[in-house]
Amino acid sequence: MTVVVATADFERYHDLVAELRDRGVRFTTVEPGEPLPEGTTAVLTGPDDDPGELPPDVAHVVAQAGKPRRAVQEALSRVRGSAGRIVVGVDPGDRPGVAVLAGDDVVAAFQVPLSDAVAVVERELEGAVDPVVRVGDGARLASARIVEGFSDVRVELVDETGTTPHLGTGARGAGDLLAAVNIARREGEPIERREVEPTAGELQRIKTAARERSAENRAITEALARRVARGDLSIEEALEEHGSG
């Protein structure tokens, strides 16, 4: 597989080349409209670049300004065909691990605050054809918030038993990301909403976290803690509402 970058826009060229190098993708460059080298499988251009006459088996992807990763990901997915379907695995928790796969290849990975997880996934799915999001069934409250955050994408709930591997020396911190990769590779049950009733222990942890974040060491009510557990409020919003009540 050889990807060709053919753009006269220096900034776009630089961004695309950097992205291809980061991914270890074999590539070469030509001037827009020049003949393509033998073995070319995809061409990346800017909106104003003329790709010339392309063989029917060569994918042409137009890279939009500031989105080199999206363009490279699209090119690789089109070259791989159906095997390049975008699947996102999410290992839920306070800081979910997120892994983006195109076929068998991991093309991106993140660990973000729970409040940012859905937005990060949606950004990665922009322009993807028939993607799927697979969410682990652990960390029930976090899992429910993530599942319910999506509306226009297939979401599957995955049994995450055994998805976190043993971590050797120097691999601390990688567990959530590796679990997310394994979750992405495991089929689950389609789901639109996950009803979860918080346990007494979960509510107490929310109350304790609220007290620790309060300058006055204030506790919030159980009703507010339940709203936090459901994702209707952040702890900060619950503290503000409690203070004004």
Protein backbone atom coordinates (compact mmCIF):
# COMPACT_ATOMS: atom_id res chain seq x y z
CA MET A 1 0.00 0.00 0.00
CA THR A 2 1.40 3.38 -1.04
CA VAL A 3 -0.29 6.70 -0.26
CA VAL A 4 0.60 9.72 -2.40
CA VAL A 5 0.43 13.30 -1.15
CA ALA A 6 -0.21 15.70 -4.03
CA THR A 7 -0.85 19.26 -2.84
CA ALA A 8 0.65 22.67 -3.55
CA ASP A 9 -0.46 23.93 -0.13
CA PHE A 10 2.69 23.74 2.01
CA GLU A 11 0.92 23.78 5.37
CA ARG A 12 -1.50 21.05 4.29
CA TYR A 13 1.43 19.06 2.84
CA HIS A 14 3.37 19.34 6.09
CA ASP A 15 0.39 18.27 8.22
CA LEU A 16 -0.42 15.26 6.02
CA VAL A 17 3.18 14.08 5.87
CA ALA A 18 3.53 14.39 9.65
CA GLU A 19 0.36 12.37 10.18
CA LEU A 20 1.46 9.64 7.77
CA ARG A 21 4.87 9.42 9.44
CA ASP A 22 3.31 9.21 12.88
CA ARG A 23 1.26 6.23 11.72
CA GLY A 24 4.13 4.52 9.94
CA VAL A 25 2.29 4.58 6.61
CA ARG A 26 4.35 4.14 3.46
CA PHE A 27 3.94 7.28 1.31
CA THR A 28 5.51 9.42 -1.37
CA THR A 29 4.82 12.89 -2.77
CA VAL A 30 4.25 14.33 -6.25
CA GLU A 31 3.16 17.65 -7.67
CA PRO A 32 -0.59 17.89 -8.32
CA GLY A 33 -1.45 16.39 -11.70
CA GLU A 34 1.85 14.50 -12.09
CA PRO A 35 1.76 10.78 -12.96
CA LEU A 36 1.38 8.52 -9.95
CA PRO A 37 4.05 5.99 -9.04
CA GLU A 38 3.31 2.32 -9.56
CA GLY A 39 1.51 0.72 -6.63
CA THR A 40 -0.37 3.88 -5.56
CA THR A 41 -3.48 3.00 -3.59
CA ALA A 42 -4.66 6.44 -2.40
CA VAL A 43 -4.04 10.09 -3.22
CA LEU A 44 -4.37 12.93 -0.72
CA THR A 45 -4.94 16.42 -2.13
CA GLY A 46 -6.29 19.78 -1.01
CA PRO A 47 -9.61 21.19 -2.30
CA ASP A 48 -7.82 23.30 -4.93
CA ASP A 49 -5.40 20.62 -6.18
CA ASP A 50 -5.98 18.79 -9.46
CA PRO A 51 -5.45 15.05 -8.89
CA GLY A 52 -5.34 14.38 -12.64
CA GLU A 53 -6.72 11.21 -14.18
CA LEU A 54 -6.89 8.54 -11.50
CA PRO A 55 -7.24 4.79 -12.05
CA PRO A 56 -10.56 3.43 -10.72
CA ASP A 57 -8.79 1.43 -8.00
CA VAL A 58 -7.03 4.49 -6.51
CA ALA A 59 -8.88 6.28 -3.69
CA HIS A 60 -8.91 10.09 -3.82
CA VAL A 61 -9.35 11.93 -0.52
CA VAL A 62 -9.59 15.71 -0.21
CA ALA A 63 -7.92 16.88 3.00
CA GLN A 64 -9.70 19.79 4.61
CA ALA A 65 -7.69 22.48 6.40
CA GLY A 66 -6.73 21.52 9.93
CA LYS A 67 -7.98 17.93 9.61
CA PRO A 68 -5.02 15.83 8.44
CA ARG A 69 -5.82 12.93 10.76
CA ARG A 70 -9.34 12.66 9.41
CA ALA A 71 -8.07 12.67 5.80
CA VAL A 72 -5.43 10.02 6.43
CA GLN A 73 -7.89 7.87 8.35
CA GLU A 74 -10.43 8.11 5.51
CA ALA A 75 -7.78 7.19 2.93
CA LEU A 76 -6.70 4.14 4.90
CA SER A 77 -10.29 3.05 5.49
CA ARG A 78 -11.17 3.31 1.80
CA VAL A 79 -8.09 1.35 0.78
CA ARG A 80 -9.01 -1.40 3.22
CA GLY A 81 -12.63 -1.48 2.09
CA SER A 82 -15.15 -3.14 4.38
CA ALA A 83 -12.35 -4.37 6.63
CA GLY A 84 -11.64 -0.75 7.48
CA ARG A 85 -14.93 -0.08 9.30
CA ILE A 86 -14.46 2.42 12.10
CA VAL A 87 -15.13 0.91 15.53
CA VAL A 88 -14.63 2.82 18.77
CA GLY A 89 -14.12 1.02 22.05
CA VAL A 90 -14.74 2.82 25.34
CA ASP A 91 -13.58 1.56 28.73
CA PRO A 92 -15.87 3.58 31.05
CA GLY A 93 -14.80 5.24 34.29
CA ASP A 94 -13.95 8.68 35.66
CA ARG A 95 -11.40 8.98 32.83
CA PRO A 96 -12.54 6.58 30.12
CA GLY A 97 -10.08 4.96 27.76
CA VAL A 98 -11.08 5.46 24.12
CA ALA A 99 -9.63 3.47 21.22
CA VAL A 100 -10.45 4.07 17.55
CA LEU A 101 -9.97 1.12 15.21
CA ALA A 102 -10.12 0.98 11.42
CA GLY A 103 -10.42 -2.71 10.74
CA ASP A 104 -7.76 -4.36 12.90
CA ASP A 105 -5.59 -1.25 13.13
CA VAL A 106 -5.66 1.08 16.13
CA VAL A 107 -5.61 4.54 14.56
CA ALA A 108 -6.12 6.70 17.66
CA ALA A 109 -6.35 6.39 21.42
CA PHE A 110 -7.34 8.81 24.18
CA GLN A 111 -7.93 9.00 27.89
CA VAL A 112 -10.22 11.89 28.75
CA PRO A 113 -12.53 13.10 31.54
CA LEU A 114 -15.91 11.38 31.53
CA SER A 115 -17.62 14.66 30.61
CA ASP A 116 -15.57 14.85 27.38
CA ALA A 117 -15.81 11.23 26.25
CA VAL A 118 -18.86 11.47 23.98
CA ALA A 119 -17.60 14.63 22.27
CA VAL A 120 -14.21 13.01 21.60
CA VAL A 121 -15.83 9.93 20.10
CA GLU A 122 -18.19 12.00 17.94
CA ARG A 123 -15.23 14.01 16.63
CA GLU A 124 -13.44 10.80 15.66
CA LEU A 125 -16.56 9.47 13.90
CA GLU A 126 -17.07 12.57 11.76
CA GLY A 127 -17.49 11.43 8.17
CA ALA A 128 -17.19 7.71 9.03
CA VAL A 129 -19.46 5.30 7.16
CA ASP A 130 -21.56 2.94 9.32
CA PRO A 131 -19.38 3.18 12.45
CA VAL A 132 -20.09 1.44 15.74
CA VAL A 133 -19.32 2.43 19.33
CA ARG A 134 -18.74 -0.37 21.82
CA VAL A 135 -18.96 0.54 25.49
CA GLY A 136 -17.83 -1.71 28.33
CA ASP A 137 -20.49 -2.70 30.86
CA GLY A 138 -18.34 -1.99 33.92
CA ALA A 139 -18.39 1.29 35.88
CA ARG A 140 -22.17 1.23 35.52
CA LEU A 141 -22.94 4.91 36.05
CA ALA A 142 -20.20 6.10 33.70
CA SER A 143 -21.20 3.48 31.15
CA ALA A 144 -24.82 4.64 31.26
CA ARG A 145 -23.83 8.29 30.75
CA ILE A 146 -21.72 7.38 27.73
CA VAL A 147 -24.37 5.13 26.16
CA GLU A 148 -27.05 7.77 26.53
CA GLY A 149 -24.81 10.48 25.09
CA PHE A 150 -25.16 9.16 21.54
CA SER A 151 -28.17 9.51 19.28
CA ASP A 152 -27.21 8.85 15.64
CA VAL A 153 -24.72 6.02 15.87
CA ARG A 154 -24.96 2.29 16.61
CA VAL A 155 -23.94 1.66 20.23
CA GLU A 156 -23.27 -1.79 21.67
CA LEU A 157 -22.86 -2.71 25.32
CA VAL A 158 -19.96 -5.14 25.70
CA ASP A 159 -19.15 -7.62 28.45
CA GLU A 160 -15.77 -6.25 29.45
CA THR A 161 -14.76 -9.24 31.56
CA GLY A 162 -11.09 -9.99 30.90
CA THR A 163 -10.51 -6.96 28.66
CA THR A 164 -7.90 -5.37 30.93
CA PRO A 165 -4.59 -7.20 30.40
CA HIS A 166 -1.82 -7.79 32.88
CA LEU A 167 0.54 -4.81 32.81
CA GLY A 168 4.26 -5.33 33.13
CA THR A 169 6.88 -2.92 34.39
CA GLY A 170 6.65 0.50 32.77
CA ALA A 171 3.14 0.01 31.40
CA ARG A 172 1.29 1.71 34.23
CA GLY A 173 -1.49 3.92 32.90
CA ALA A 174 -1.98 1.92 29.71
CA GLY A 175 -4.59 -0.46 31.13
CA ASP A 176 -7.67 1.62 30.25
CA LEU A 177 -6.45 2.16 26.68
CA LEU A 178 -5.67 -1.52 26.13
CA ALA A 179 -9.04 -2.44 27.62
CA ALA A 180 -10.71 -0.02 25.19
CA VAL A 181 -8.95 -1.76 22.28
CA ASN A 182 -10.16 -5.16 23.48
CA ILE A 183 -13.70 -3.81 23.97
CA ALA A 184 -13.70 -2.47 20.41
CA ARG A 185 -12.81 -5.96 19.14
CA ARG A 186 -15.60 -7.68 21.07
CA GLU A 187 -19.16 -7.66 19.72
CA GLY A 188 -21.86 -6.54 22.12
CA GLU A 189 -25.62 -6.07 22.36
CA PRO A 190 -27.17 -3.01 20.66
CA ILE A 191 -28.43 -0.54 23.24
CA GLU A 192 -29.99 2.94 23.26
CA ARG A 193 -30.42 3.55 26.96
CA ARG A 194 -29.03 1.93 30.07
CA GLU A 195 -31.18 2.27 33.18
CA VAL A 196 -28.96 2.15 36.24
CA GLU A 197 -30.04 2.72 39.83
CA PRO A 198 -27.08 4.03 41.84
CA THR A 199 -26.14 1.98 44.88
CA ALA A 200 -25.83 3.41 48.36
CA GLY A 201 -22.06 3.14 48.06
CA GLU A 202 -22.01 5.03 44.76
CA LEU A 203 -24.16 7.80 46.19
CA GLN A 204 -21.88 8.05 49.23
CA ARG A 205 -18.81 8.38 46.99
CA ILE A 206 -20.49 11.25 45.15
CA LYS A 207 -21.35 12.95 48.43
CA THR A 208 -17.78 12.52 49.66
CA ALA A 209 -16.37 13.93 46.41
CA ALA A 210 -18.74 16.91 46.69
CA ARG A 211 -17.63 17.57 50.26
CA GLU A 212 -13.97 17.42 49.25
CA ARG A 213 -14.54 19.91 46.42
CA SER A 214 -16.58 22.31 48.53
CA ALA A 215 -14.66 25.22 50.04
CA GLU A 216 -16.98 25.06 53.06
CA ASN A 217 -16.81 21.24 53.35
CA ARG A 218 -20.54 21.14 52.54
CA ALA A 219 -22.45 17.93 51.83
CA ILE A 220 -25.09 17.67 49.12
CA THR A 221 -28.44 15.96 49.51
CA GLU A 222 -29.12 12.41 48.35
CA ALA A 223 -31.50 13.77 45.71
CA LEU A 224 -28.73 15.91 44.23
CA ALA A 225 -26.30 12.98 44.45
CA ARG A 226 -28.75 10.89 42.42
CA ARG A 227 -28.91 13.58 39.74
CA VAL A 228 -25.11 13.60 39.61
CA ALA A 229 -25.11 9.82 39.30
CA ARG A 230 -27.54 10.01 36.38
CA GLY A 231 -25.35 12.59 34.66
CA ASP A 232 -27.93 15.39 34.94
CA LEU A 233 -25.56 17.53 37.01
CA SER A 234 -21.85 17.81 37.60
CA ILE A 235 -20.65 17.85 41.20
CA GLU A 236 -19.89 21.56 40.85
CA GLU A 237 -23.44 22.24 39.61
CA ALA A 238 -24.87 20.18 42.45
CA LEU A 239 -22.87 22.20 44.99
CA GLU A 240 -24.07 25.46 43.43
CA GLU A 241 -27.68 24.29 43.47
CA HIS A 242 -27.34 23.07 47.05
CA GLY A 243 -25.89 26.41 48.11
CA SER A 244 -28.72 28.38 46.53
CA GLY A 245 -31.42 26.10 47.95
